[in-house]
Amino acid sequence: MTRPRRGLVVGGGGVLGAAWAVGALTALEETLGVDVREVDELVGTSAGSVLVTLLAAGVSVAQIRTHQLEGHVDEGPLAGFTWDYESATGGDRPPTPRAGLGSPVLLRKGIRELRQLPPTAVLAAFLPEGRGRLDSVGAMVRHVVPSGWPPRAGLTVAAVDYDAGVRVPFGREGAPVVDAAEAVMASCAIPGWYEPVRIGERRFIDGGTWSSTNLDLLVGRGLDEVFVLAPQVSFDSDAPSALVSRLERQWRNRVTARALKEVAVLHADGAEVTMIGPGHEDLEAMGGNLMDVSRRPTVVITSLRTSLAALADPAELPEPRSDSL
């Protein structure tokens, strides 16, 4: 029997999105009974780009999970790399950004090409350049991929060219040839929080400004099954009382609707798509700030249980709303 061609997408969602995705990856391996490092295509956005790049470099899900919970591992490509999860990403609040618009060029393009660019990309043009740095993220990736790209095929890291206003799928033909560490840092560069990552003469920002998952990058790749782990997508939300959490949930609803439209495109391409995101228990563990590192261990542990339940009994995906982003 021919093995199905599979794709794995891990979306963005900050520190806590990555923590949730680690639990979801664990559940996915248990459900499928396979090593997810063996899937044919990997697509990562923002925090998800870190995880899929580690997988492509040979780091197992078990090793990633141990690293998340203990800060180090003793075997595999990540062995010997110590990461301080409490401080490595700069804390749960951004440093004061620089003055001025982040990308006047992208803003003008958004006005000229109204409804052709994602609204999130146009919004990113308004935000000032952040001052945070992603050196620690780059150091982690360089530990497992010292230079160049992981040796296996099928890894795509999504970022956005901040000056041209186009999505860039690093790792694909036609994209700039860069080290994996540069691509991942670019994909993680949240506008207004972190400095854009300069590659040559161009500045690059978080691929999540284009799409929280960029799962449509798997269209045309000849896949039979695609699994989407989407930390910013939820089909089973909670009802928080805190204002910041309520605002986050409203944003999450719009992100979810847009992701469903992308799923429909991939369905039309012939792939069966399974998408899961945080449920109400996960959202309660996360709160309203996806960069709140104090909640990270609880989010990992919660996701280990809830993601397994979601994959064991997947619900039919709802139809996307017409007013989605």
C-alpha atoms as a PDB file:
ATOM      1  CA  MET A   1       0.000   0.000   0.000  1.00  0.00           C
ATOM      2  CA  THR A   2       1.366   3.403  -0.965  1.00  0.00           C
ATOM      3  CA  ARG A   3       2.154   5.697   1.948  1.00  0.00           C
ATOM      4  CA  PRO A   4       0.096   8.907   1.808  1.00  0.00           C
ATOM      5  CA  ARG A   5       1.992  12.105   1.123  1.00  0.00           C
ATOM      6  CA  ARG A   6       1.601  14.232   4.219  1.00  0.00           C
ATOM      7  CA  GLY A   7       2.126  17.857   5.107  1.00  0.00           C
ATOM      8  CA  LEU A   8       2.461  19.493   8.506  1.00  0.00           C
ATOM      9  CA  VAL A   9       1.757  23.164   9.175  1.00  0.00           C
ATOM     10  CA  VAL A  10       2.599  24.824  12.488  1.00  0.00           C
ATOM     11  CA  GLY A  11       1.282  28.355  12.802  1.00  0.00           C
ATOM     12  CA  GLY A  12       2.310  31.369  14.823  1.00  0.00           C
ATOM     13  CA  GLY A  13       1.202  32.362  18.267  1.00  0.00           C
ATOM     14  CA  GLY A  14       4.043  33.729  20.333  1.00  0.00           C
ATOM     15  CA  VAL A  15       5.669  31.992  23.282  1.00  0.00           C
ATOM     16  CA  LEU A  16       2.446  30.360  24.440  1.00  0.00           C
ATOM     17  CA  GLY A  17       1.459  29.355  20.925  1.00  0.00           C
ATOM     18  CA  ALA A  18       4.739  27.462  20.641  1.00  0.00           C
ATOM     19  CA  ALA A  19       4.108  25.833  24.014  1.00  0.00           C
ATOM     20  CA  TRP A  20       0.637  24.720  22.913  1.00  0.00           C
ATOM     21  CA  ALA A  21       2.034  23.425  19.602  1.00  0.00           C
ATOM     22  CA  VAL A  22       4.566  21.229  21.434  1.00  0.00           C
ATOM     23  CA  GLY A  23       1.700  19.459  23.180  1.00  0.00           C
ATOM     24  CA  ALA A  24      -0.193  19.220  19.885  1.00  0.00           C
ATOM     25  CA  LEU A  25       2.839  17.717  18.098  1.00  0.00           C
ATOM     26  CA  THR A  26       3.087  15.100  20.830  1.00  0.00           C
ATOM     27  CA  ALA A  27      -0.594  14.245  20.402  1.00  0.00           C
ATOM     28  CA  LEU A  28      -0.266  14.128  16.608  1.00  0.00           C
ATOM     29  CA  GLU A  29       2.550  11.596  16.770  1.00  0.00           C
ATOM     30  CA  GLU A  30       0.569   9.415  19.165  1.00  0.00           C
ATOM     31  CA  THR A  31      -2.566   9.618  17.023  1.00  0.00           C
ATOM     32  CA  LEU A  32      -0.817   8.876  13.719  1.00  0.00           C
ATOM     33  CA  GLY A  33       1.684   6.416  15.130  1.00  0.00           C
ATOM     34  CA  VAL A  34       4.460   8.058  13.100  1.00  0.00           C
ATOM     35  CA  ASP A  35       7.486  10.270  13.603  1.00  0.00           C
ATOM     36  CA  VAL A  36       6.394  13.689  12.313  1.00  0.00           C
ATOM     37  CA  ARG A  37       9.957  14.359  11.162  1.00  0.00           C
ATOM     38  CA  GLU A  38       9.098  12.011   8.290  1.00  0.00           C
ATOM     39  CA  VAL A  39       6.251  14.052   6.788  1.00  0.00           C
ATOM     40  CA  ASP A  40       6.892  15.166   3.227  1.00  0.00           C
ATOM     41  CA  GLU A  41       6.274  18.907   3.610  1.00  0.00           C
ATOM     42  CA  LEU A  42       6.748  21.220   6.591  1.00  0.00           C
ATOM     43  CA  VAL A  43       5.470  24.806   6.716  1.00  0.00           C
ATOM     44  CA  GLY A  44       6.159  27.053   9.693  1.00  0.00           C
ATOM     45  CA  THR A  45       5.145  30.593  10.539  1.00  0.00           C
ATOM     46  CA  SER A  46       6.572  32.711  13.359  1.00  0.00           C
ATOM     47  CA  ALA A  47       6.899  30.511  16.477  1.00  0.00           C
ATOM     48  CA  GLY A  48       5.870  27.571  14.294  1.00  0.00           C
ATOM     49  CA  SER A  49       8.885  28.189  12.062  1.00  0.00           C
ATOM     50  CA  VAL A  50      11.178  27.440  15.001  1.00  0.00           C
ATOM     51  CA  LEU A  51       9.472  24.120  15.653  1.00  0.00           C
ATOM     52  CA  VAL A  52       9.353  22.858  12.066  1.00  0.00           C
ATOM     53  CA  THR A  53      12.972  23.864  11.487  1.00  0.00           C
ATOM     54  CA  LEU A  54      14.039  21.896  14.553  1.00  0.00           C
ATOM     55  CA  LEU A  55      12.078  18.915  13.224  1.00  0.00           C
ATOM     56  CA  ALA A  56      13.683  19.260   9.796  1.00  0.00           C
ATOM     57  CA  ALA A  57      17.106  19.316  11.461  1.00  0.00           C
ATOM     58  CA  GLY A  58      16.415  15.997  13.174  1.00  0.00           C
ATOM     59  CA  VAL A  59      15.243  17.105  16.629  1.00  0.00           C
ATOM     60  CA  SER A  60      12.469  14.782  17.812  1.00  0.00           C
ATOM     61  CA  VAL A  61       9.176  15.945  19.275  1.00  0.00           C
ATOM     62  CA  ALA A  62      10.113  14.258  22.559  1.00  0.00           C
ATOM     63  CA  GLN A  63      13.356  16.247  22.665  1.00  0.00           C
ATOM     64  CA  ILE A  64      11.538  19.504  21.887  1.00  0.00           C
ATOM     65  CA  ARG A  65       9.034  18.754  24.653  1.00  0.00           C
ATOM     66  CA  THR A  66      11.779  17.997  27.176  1.00  0.00           C
ATOM     67  CA  HIS A  67      13.562  21.189  26.187  1.00  0.00           C
ATOM     68  CA  GLN A  68      10.360  23.180  26.690  1.00  0.00           C
ATOM     69  CA  LEU A  69       9.797  21.746  30.151  1.00  0.00           C
ATOM     70  CA  GLU A  70      13.392  21.509  31.398  1.00  0.00           C
ATOM     71  CA  GLY A  71      15.373  24.006  29.294  1.00  0.00           C
ATOM     72  CA  HIS A  72      17.890  21.469  27.967  1.00  0.00           C
ATOM     73  CA  VAL A  73      18.235  17.956  26.520  1.00  0.00           C
ATOM     74  CA  ASP A  74      21.076  15.448  26.713  1.00  0.00           C
ATOM     75  CA  GLU A  75      20.781  13.841  23.284  1.00  0.00           C
ATOM     76  CA  GLY A  76      20.029  14.687  19.691  1.00  0.00           C
ATOM     77  CA  PRO A  77      20.940  17.786  17.644  1.00  0.00           C
ATOM     78  CA  LEU A  78      19.712  20.142  20.381  1.00  0.00           C
ATOM     79  CA  ALA A  79      21.869  18.564  23.099  1.00  0.00           C
ATOM     80  CA  GLY A  80      24.101  21.040  24.895  1.00  0.00           C
ATOM     81  CA  PHE A  81      22.027  24.088  24.034  1.00  0.00           C
ATOM     82  CA  THR A  82      20.609  25.775  27.125  1.00  0.00           C
ATOM     83  CA  TRP A  83      17.704  28.154  26.620  1.00  0.00           C
ATOM     84  CA  ASP A  84      16.286  30.422  29.283  1.00  0.00           C
ATOM     85  CA  TYR A  85      12.611  30.394  28.420  1.00  0.00           C
ATOM     86  CA  GLU A  86      11.954  33.120  30.972  1.00  0.00           C
ATOM     87  CA  SER A  87      14.128  35.740  29.275  1.00  0.00           C
ATOM     88  CA  ALA A  88      15.291  34.533  25.850  1.00  0.00           C
ATOM     89  CA  THR A  89      12.449  36.179  23.913  1.00  0.00           C
ATOM     90  CA  GLY A  90      12.690  39.463  25.818  1.00  0.00           C
ATOM     91  CA  GLY A  91       9.852  39.129  28.316  1.00  0.00           C
ATOM     92  CA  ASP A  92       6.101  39.537  28.101  1.00  0.00           C
ATOM     93  CA  ARG A  93       6.098  43.219  27.106  1.00  0.00           C
ATOM     94  CA  PRO A  94       7.801  44.811  24.096  1.00  0.00           C
ATOM     95  CA  PRO A  95      10.519  47.432  24.518  1.00  0.00           C
ATOM     96  CA  THR A  96       9.612  50.967  23.494  1.00  0.00           C
ATOM     97  CA  PRO A  97       9.559  50.972  19.678  1.00  0.00           C
ATOM     98  CA  ARG A  98      11.215  53.502  17.391  1.00  0.00           C
ATOM     99  CA  ALA A  99       9.237  56.521  16.245  1.00  0.00           C
ATOM    100  CA  GLY A 100       7.579  56.620  12.830  1.00  0.00           C
ATOM    101  CA  LEU A 101       5.797  54.270  10.466  1.00  0.00           C
ATOM    102  CA  GLY A 102       7.382  50.869  10.057  1.00  0.00           C
ATOM    103  CA  SER A 103       7.018  50.698   6.273  1.00  0.00           C
ATOM    104  CA  PRO A 104       5.666  53.683   4.300  1.00  0.00           C
ATOM    105  CA  VAL A 105       6.252  51.674   1.096  1.00  0.00           C
ATOM    106  CA  LEU A 106       4.041  48.837   2.274  1.00  0.00           C
ATOM    107  CA  LEU A 107       1.410  51.326   3.436  1.00  0.00           C
ATOM    108  CA  ARG A 108       1.287  52.982   0.000  1.00  0.00           C
ATOM    109  CA  LYS A 109       1.054  49.577  -1.639  1.00  0.00           C
ATOM    110  CA  GLY A 110      -1.813  48.654   0.679  1.00  0.00           C
ATOM    111  CA  ILE A 111      -3.714  51.771  -0.354  1.00  0.00           C
ATOM    112  CA  ARG A 112      -3.084  51.169  -4.075  1.00  0.00           C
ATOM    113  CA  GLU A 113      -3.925  47.478  -3.887  1.00  0.00           C
ATOM    114  CA  LEU A 114      -6.817  47.651  -1.463  1.00  0.00           C
ATOM    115  CA  ARG A 115      -8.252  44.176  -0.710  1.00  0.00           C
ATOM    116  CA  GLN A 116      -5.312  42.469  -2.412  1.00  0.00           C
ATOM    117  CA  LEU A 117      -3.025  42.560   0.620  1.00  0.00           C
ATOM    118  CA  PRO A 118      -4.097  40.936   3.895  1.00  0.00           C
ATOM    119  CA  PRO A 119      -5.332  43.635   6.310  1.00  0.00           C
ATOM    120  CA  THR A 120      -2.829  42.373   8.861  1.00  0.00           C
ATOM    121  CA  ALA A 121       0.027  43.156   6.476  1.00  0.00           C
ATOM    122  CA  VAL A 122      -1.273  46.689   5.938  1.00  0.00           C
ATOM    123  CA  LEU A 123      -1.666  47.116   9.701  1.00  0.00           C
ATOM    124  CA  ALA A 124       1.976  46.071  10.123  1.00  0.00           C
ATOM    125  CA  ALA A 125       3.006  48.993   7.919  1.00  0.00           C
ATOM    126  CA  PHE A 126       1.512  51.426  10.450  1.00  0.00           C
ATOM    127  CA  LEU A 127       3.382  49.944  13.386  1.00  0.00           C
ATOM    128  CA  PRO A 128       6.759  51.438  14.287  1.00  0.00           C
ATOM    129  CA  GLU A 129       9.907  49.336  14.088  1.00  0.00           C
ATOM    130  CA  GLY A 130      10.389  47.310  17.242  1.00  0.00           C
ATOM    131  CA  ARG A 131      13.575  47.286  19.276  1.00  0.00           C
ATOM    132  CA  GLY A 132      13.480  43.683  20.486  1.00  0.00           C
ATOM    133  CA  ARG A 133      16.052  41.271  19.132  1.00  0.00           C
ATOM    134  CA  LEU A 134      15.800  37.626  18.169  1.00  0.00           C
ATOM    135  CA  ASP A 135      19.450  36.677  18.569  1.00  0.00           C
ATOM    136  CA  SER A 136      18.589  33.908  21.014  1.00  0.00           C
ATOM    137  CA  VAL A 137      16.179  32.333  18.520  1.00  0.00           C
ATOM    138  CA  GLY A 138      18.859  32.496  15.847  1.00  0.00           C
ATOM    139  CA  ALA A 139      21.360  30.902  18.234  1.00  0.00           C
ATOM    140  CA  MET A 140      19.039  27.960  18.853  1.00  0.00           C
ATOM    141  CA  VAL A 141      18.566  27.338  15.136  1.00  0.00           C
ATOM    142  CA  ARG A 142      22.296  27.714  14.433  1.00  0.00           C
ATOM    143  CA  HIS A 143      23.014  25.117  17.101  1.00  0.00           C
ATOM    144  CA  VAL A 144      21.193  22.493  15.012  1.00  0.00           C
ATOM    145  CA  VAL A 145      21.819  24.023  11.550  1.00  0.00           C
ATOM    146  CA  PRO A 146      25.168  25.885  11.799  1.00  0.00           C
ATOM    147  CA  SER A 147      24.873  27.177   8.237  1.00  0.00           C
ATOM    148  CA  GLY A 148      22.708  26.783   5.188  1.00  0.00           C
ATOM    149  CA  TRP A 149      19.455  24.841   5.237  1.00  0.00           C
ATOM    150  CA  PRO A 150      18.511  21.519   6.864  1.00  0.00           C
ATOM    151  CA  PRO A 151      19.560  18.591   4.660  1.00  0.00           C
ATOM    152  CA  ARG A 152      16.048  17.260   4.077  1.00  0.00           C
ATOM    153  CA  ALA A 153      13.734  18.639   1.404  1.00  0.00           C
ATOM    154  CA  GLY A 154      10.289  20.097   2.011  1.00  0.00           C
ATOM    155  CA  LEU A 155      10.885  22.783   4.657  1.00  0.00           C
ATOM    156  CA  THR A 156       9.224  26.168   4.080  1.00  0.00           C
ATOM    157  CA  VAL A 157       9.529  29.138   6.446  1.00  0.00           C
ATOM    158  CA  ALA A 158       7.082  31.982   5.805  1.00  0.00           C
ATOM    159  CA  ALA A 159       8.046  35.640   6.241  1.00  0.00           C
ATOM    160  CA  VAL A 160       7.025  38.970   4.703  1.00  0.00           C
ATOM    161  CA  ASP A 161       9.246  41.398   2.815  1.00  0.00           C
ATOM    162  CA  TYR A 162       8.540  44.591   4.767  1.00  0.00           C
ATOM    163  CA  ASP A 163       9.624  46.856   1.931  1.00  0.00           C
ATOM    164  CA  ALA A 164       7.972  45.066  -0.999  1.00  0.00           C
ATOM    165  CA  GLY A 165       4.810  43.882   0.740  1.00  0.00           C
ATOM    166  CA  VAL A 166       5.042  40.303  -0.514  1.00  0.00           C
ATOM    167  CA  ARG A 167       5.121  36.971   1.244  1.00  0.00           C
ATOM    168  CA  VAL A 168       8.439  35.146   1.010  1.00  0.00           C
ATOM    169  CA  PRO A 169       8.497  31.342   1.388  1.00  0.00           C
ATOM    170  CA  PHE A 170      12.100  30.747   2.425  1.00  0.00           C
ATOM    171  CA  GLY A 171      13.302  27.341   1.322  1.00  0.00           C
ATOM    172  CA  ARG A 172      11.370  27.457  -1.948  1.00  0.00           C
ATOM    173  CA  GLU A 173      12.728  28.019  -5.423  1.00  0.00           C
ATOM    174  CA  GLY A 174      12.865  31.735  -6.192  1.00  0.00           C
ATOM    175  CA  ALA A 175      13.105  32.845  -2.558  1.00  0.00           C
ATOM    176  CA  PRO A 176      16.326  34.466  -1.318  1.00  0.00           C
ATOM    177  CA  VAL A 177      18.917  31.864  -0.365  1.00  0.00           C
ATOM    178  CA  VAL A 178      19.592  32.355   3.348  1.00  0.00           C
ATOM    179  CA  ASP A 179      20.670  30.374   6.371  1.00  0.00           C
ATOM    180  CA  ALA A 180      17.834  28.711   8.260  1.00  0.00           C
ATOM    181  CA  ALA A 181      18.560  30.882  11.296  1.00  0.00           C
ATOM    182  CA  GLU A 182      18.004  34.082   9.300  1.00  0.00           C
ATOM    183  CA  ALA A 183      14.774  32.774   7.813  1.00  0.00           C
ATOM    184  CA  VAL A 184      13.391  31.751  11.208  1.00  0.00           C
ATOM    185  CA  MET A 185      14.312  35.061  12.831  1.00  0.00           C
ATOM    186  CA  ALA A 186      12.604  36.884   9.949  1.00  0.00           C
ATOM    187  CA  SER A 187       9.489  34.755  10.350  1.00  0.00           C
ATOM    188  CA  CYS A 188       9.392  35.570  14.090  1.00  0.00           C
ATOM    189  CA  ALA A 189       9.944  39.349  13.831  1.00  0.00           C
ATOM    190  CA  ILE A 190       6.626  40.633  15.211  1.00  0.00           C
ATOM    191  CA  PRO A 191       6.078  44.218  13.951  1.00  0.00           C
ATOM    192  CA  GLY A 192       6.323  46.831  16.678  1.00  0.00           C
ATOM    193  CA  TRP A 193       7.959  44.308  19.018  1.00  0.00           C
ATOM    194  CA  TYR A 194      11.113  43.032  17.311  1.00  0.00           C
ATOM    195  CA  GLU A 195      13.465  44.653  14.835  1.00  0.00           C
ATOM    196  CA  PRO A 196      12.817  43.622  11.237  1.00  0.00           C
ATOM    197  CA  VAL A 197      15.469  41.165  10.118  1.00  0.00           C
ATOM    198  CA  ARG A 198      17.665  42.615   7.405  1.00  0.00           C
ATOM    199  CA  ILE A 199      18.756  40.194   4.687  1.00  0.00           C
ATOM    200  CA  GLY A 200      20.807  41.934   2.034  1.00  0.00           C
ATOM    201  CA  GLU A 201      19.055  45.204   1.244  1.00  0.00           C
ATOM    202  CA  ARG A 202      15.622  44.032   2.387  1.00  0.00           C
ATOM    203  CA  ARG A 203      13.829  43.988   5.726  1.00  0.00           C
ATOM    204  CA  PHE A 204      11.673  41.015   6.681  1.00  0.00           C
ATOM    205  CA  ILE A 205       8.974  40.609   9.323  1.00  0.00           C
ATOM    206  CA  ASP A 206       6.761  37.961  10.877  1.00  0.00           C
ATOM    207  CA  GLY A 207       5.043  35.680   8.375  1.00  0.00           C
ATOM    208  CA  GLY A 208       1.966  35.893  10.600  1.00  0.00           C
ATOM    209  CA  THR A 209       1.314  39.376   9.240  1.00  0.00           C
ATOM    210  CA  TRP A 210       0.322  37.604   6.015  1.00  0.00           C
ATOM    211  CA  SER A 211      -1.411  34.581   7.525  1.00  0.00           C
ATOM    212  CA  SER A 212      -1.377  32.927  10.926  1.00  0.00           C
ATOM    213  CA  THR A 213      -0.638  29.577   9.243  1.00  0.00           C
ATOM    214  CA  ASN A 214       0.233  30.196   5.559  1.00  0.00           C
ATOM    215  CA  LEU A 215      -1.149  26.723   4.960  1.00  0.00           C
ATOM    216  CA  ASP A 216      -2.063  27.663   1.391  1.00  0.00           C
ATOM    217  CA  LEU A 217       1.668  27.326   0.599  1.00  0.00           C
ATOM    218  CA  LEU A 218       0.971  23.577   0.414  1.00  0.00           C
ATOM    219  CA  VAL A 219      -1.323  23.971  -2.587  1.00  0.00           C
ATOM    220  CA  GLY A 220       0.179  22.190  -5.578  1.00  0.00           C
ATOM    221  CA  ARG A 221       2.541  20.004  -3.527  1.00  0.00           C
ATOM    222  CA  GLY A 222       0.669  16.774  -4.311  1.00  0.00           C
ATOM    223  CA  LEU A 223      -0.331  16.014  -0.735  1.00  0.00           C
ATOM    224  CA  ASP A 224      -2.973  13.555   0.381  1.00  0.00           C
ATOM    225  CA  GLU A 225      -3.204  14.646   4.021  1.00  0.00           C
ATOM    226  CA  VAL A 226      -2.339  17.894   5.758  1.00  0.00           C
ATOM    227  CA  PHE A 227      -2.287  18.442   9.512  1.00  0.00           C
ATOM    228  CA  VAL A 228      -2.512  22.033  10.694  1.00  0.00           C
ATOM    229  CA  LEU A 229      -1.595  22.981  14.256  1.00  0.00           C
ATOM    230  CA  ALA A 230      -2.834  26.529  14.592  1.00  0.00           C
ATOM    231  CA  PRO A 231      -2.217  28.247  17.957  1.00  0.00           C
ATOM    232  CA  GLN A 232      -4.232  31.347  16.966  1.00  0.00           C
ATOM    233  CA  VAL A 233      -7.245  29.391  15.690  1.00  0.00           C
ATOM    234  CA  SER A 234     -10.004  28.170  18.009  1.00  0.00           C
ATOM    235  CA  PHE A 235     -13.299  26.367  17.460  1.00  0.00           C
ATOM    236  CA  ASP A 236     -14.095  25.943  21.168  1.00  0.00           C
ATOM    237  CA  SER A 237     -13.532  29.303  22.803  1.00  0.00           C
ATOM    238  CA  ASP A 238     -14.000  30.525  26.362  1.00  0.00           C
ATOM    239  CA  ALA A 239     -15.688  33.639  27.762  1.00  0.00           C
ATOM    240  CA  PRO A 240     -13.017  35.541  29.698  1.00  0.00           C
ATOM    241  CA  SER A 241     -13.861  38.501  31.900  1.00  0.00           C
ATOM    242  CA  ALA A 242     -10.575  40.384  31.502  1.00  0.00           C
ATOM    243  CA  LEU A 243     -10.691  43.046  28.763  1.00  0.00           C
ATOM    244  CA  VAL A 244      -7.356  42.103  27.197  1.00  0.00           C
ATOM    245  CA  SER A 245      -8.467  38.480  26.926  1.00  0.00           C
ATOM    246  CA  ARG A 246     -11.809  39.463  25.379  1.00  0.00           C
ATOM    247  CA  LEU A 247     -10.033  41.545  22.760  1.00  0.00           C
ATOM    248  CA  GLU A 248      -7.671  38.652  22.024  1.00  0.00           C
ATOM    249  CA  ARG A 249     -10.631  36.316  21.543  1.00  0.00           C
ATOM    250  CA  GLN A 250     -12.269  38.731  19.091  1.00  0.00           C
ATOM    251  CA  TRP A 251      -9.067  38.826  17.071  1.00  0.00           C
ATOM    252  CA  ARG A 252      -8.827  35.022  17.299  1.00  0.00           C
ATOM    253  CA  ASN A 253     -12.327  34.691  15.810  1.00  0.00           C
ATOM    254  CA  ARG A 254     -11.280  36.645  12.727  1.00  0.00           C
ATOM    255  CA  VAL A 255      -8.050  34.690  12.378  1.00  0.00           C
ATOM    256  CA  THR A 256     -10.039  31.449  12.605  1.00  0.00           C
ATOM    257  CA  ALA A 257     -12.427  32.523   9.862  1.00  0.00           C
ATOM    258  CA  ARG A 258      -9.550  33.374   7.545  1.00  0.00           C
ATOM    259  CA  ALA A 259      -7.791  30.075   8.255  1.00  0.00           C
ATOM    260  CA  LEU A 260     -10.948  28.219   7.268  1.00  0.00           C
ATOM    261  CA  LYS A 261     -10.895  29.952   3.890  1.00  0.00           C
ATOM    262  CA  GLU A 262      -7.328  28.725   3.399  1.00  0.00           C
ATOM    263  CA  VAL A 263      -8.405  25.211   4.370  1.00  0.00           C
ATOM    264  CA  ALA A 264     -11.070  25.340   1.650  1.00  0.00           C
ATOM    265  CA  VAL A 265      -8.405  26.205  -0.924  1.00  0.00           C
ATOM    266  CA  LEU A 266      -6.290  23.254   0.160  1.00  0.00           C
ATOM    267  CA  HIS A 267      -9.335  20.956   0.093  1.00  0.00           C
ATOM    268  CA  ALA A 268      -9.996  22.037  -3.477  1.00  0.00           C
ATOM    269  CA  ASP A 269      -6.414  21.029  -4.274  1.00  0.00           C
ATOM    270  CA  GLY A 270      -7.233  17.460  -3.264  1.00  0.00           C
ATOM    271  CA  ALA A 271      -5.854  17.231   0.265  1.00  0.00           C
ATOM    272  CA  GLU A 272      -7.692  16.049   3.350  1.00  0.00           C
ATOM    273  CA  VAL A 273      -7.065  18.682   6.020  1.00  0.00           C
ATOM    274  CA  THR A 274      -7.167  18.248   9.781  1.00  0.00           C
ATOM    275  CA  MET A 275      -6.826  21.491  11.730  1.00  0.00           C
ATOM    276  CA  ILE A 276      -6.763  21.881  15.493  1.00  0.00           C
ATOM    277  CA  GLY A 277      -6.292  24.907  17.692  1.00  0.00           C
ATOM    278  CA  PRO A 278      -6.520  25.693  21.388  1.00  0.00           C
ATOM    279  CA  GLY A 279      -9.848  24.887  23.035  1.00  0.00           C
ATOM    280  CA  HIS A 280     -11.419  26.647  25.983  1.00  0.00           C
ATOM    281  CA  GLU A 281      -9.197  24.886  28.532  1.00  0.00           C
ATOM    282  CA  ASP A 282      -6.091  25.884  26.592  1.00  0.00           C
ATOM    283  CA  LEU A 283      -7.323  29.462  26.270  1.00  0.00           C
ATOM    284  CA  GLU A 284      -7.921  29.688  29.995  1.00  0.00           C
ATOM    285  CA  ALA A 285      -4.350  28.491  30.541  1.00  0.00           C
ATOM    286  CA  MET A 286      -3.038  31.039  28.017  1.00  0.00           C
ATOM    287  CA  GLY A 287      -4.880  34.125  29.209  1.00  0.00           C
ATOM    288  CA  GLY A 288      -4.780  37.178  26.936  1.00  0.00           C
ATOM    289  CA  ASN A 289      -1.045  37.668  26.360  1.00  0.00           C
ATOM    290  CA  LEU A 290       0.595  35.039  24.149  1.00  0.00           C
ATOM    291  CA  MET A 291       4.027  36.260  25.271  1.00  0.00           C
ATOM    292  CA  ASP A 292       3.377  35.648  28.987  1.00  0.00           C
ATOM    293  CA  VAL A 293       6.192  33.192  29.715  1.00  0.00           C
ATOM    294  CA  SER A 294       4.955  32.500  33.257  1.00  0.00           C
ATOM    295  CA  ARG A 295       2.056  30.492  31.814  1.00  0.00           C
ATOM    296  CA  ARG A 296       4.200  28.370  29.463  1.00  0.00           C
ATOM    297  CA  PRO A 297       4.577  25.127  31.485  1.00  0.00           C
ATOM    298  CA  THR A 298       0.855  25.040  32.252  1.00  0.00           C
ATOM    299  CA  VAL A 299       0.025  25.556  28.564  1.00  0.00           C
ATOM    300  CA  VAL A 300       2.293  22.674  27.494  1.00  0.00           C
ATOM    301  CA  ILE A 301       0.802  20.282  30.030  1.00  0.00           C
ATOM    302  CA  THR A 302      -2.774  21.305  29.209  1.00  0.00           C
ATOM    303  CA  SER A 303      -2.192  20.883  25.477  1.00  0.00           C
ATOM    304  CA  LEU A 304      -0.748  17.398  25.944  1.00  0.00           C
ATOM    305  CA  ARG A 305      -4.217  16.341  27.087  1.00  0.00           C
ATOM    306  CA  THR A 306      -6.581  18.542  25.096  1.00  0.00           C
ATOM    307  CA  SER A 307      -4.852  18.090  21.724  1.00  0.00           C
ATOM    308  CA  LEU A 308      -4.966  14.322  22.050  1.00  0.00           C
ATOM    309  CA  ALA A 309      -8.708  14.521  22.686  1.00  0.00           C
ATOM    310  CA  ALA A 310      -9.209  16.886  19.735  1.00  0.00           C
ATOM    311  CA  LEU A 311      -7.336  14.602  17.335  1.00  0.00           C
ATOM    312  CA  ALA A 312      -9.032  11.472  18.655  1.00  0.00           C
ATOM    313  CA  ASP A 313     -12.457  12.947  17.924  1.00  0.00           C
ATOM    314  CA  PRO A 314     -12.013  15.676  15.295  1.00  0.00           C
ATOM    315  CA  ALA A 315     -15.012  17.887  14.692  1.00  0.00           C
ATOM    316  CA  GLU A 316     -16.075  18.830  11.181  1.00  0.00           C
ATOM    317  CA  LEU A 317     -14.614  22.219  10.322  1.00  0.00           C
ATOM    318  CA  PRO A 318     -17.248  24.972  10.093  1.00  0.00           C
ATOM    319  CA  GLU A 319     -17.743  27.029   6.977  1.00  0.00           C
ATOM    320  CA  PRO A 320     -15.767  30.301   6.882  1.00  0.00           C
ATOM    321  CA  ARG A 321     -17.668  33.547   7.447  1.00  0.00           C
ATOM    322  CA  SER A 322     -17.908  35.971   4.561  1.00  0.00           C
ATOM    323  CA  ASP A 323     -16.592  38.847   6.677  1.00  0.00           C
ATOM    324  CA  SER A 324     -13.312  37.135   7.597  1.00  0.00           C
ATOM    325  CA  LEU A 325      -9.957  38.781   7.037  1.00  0.00           C
END
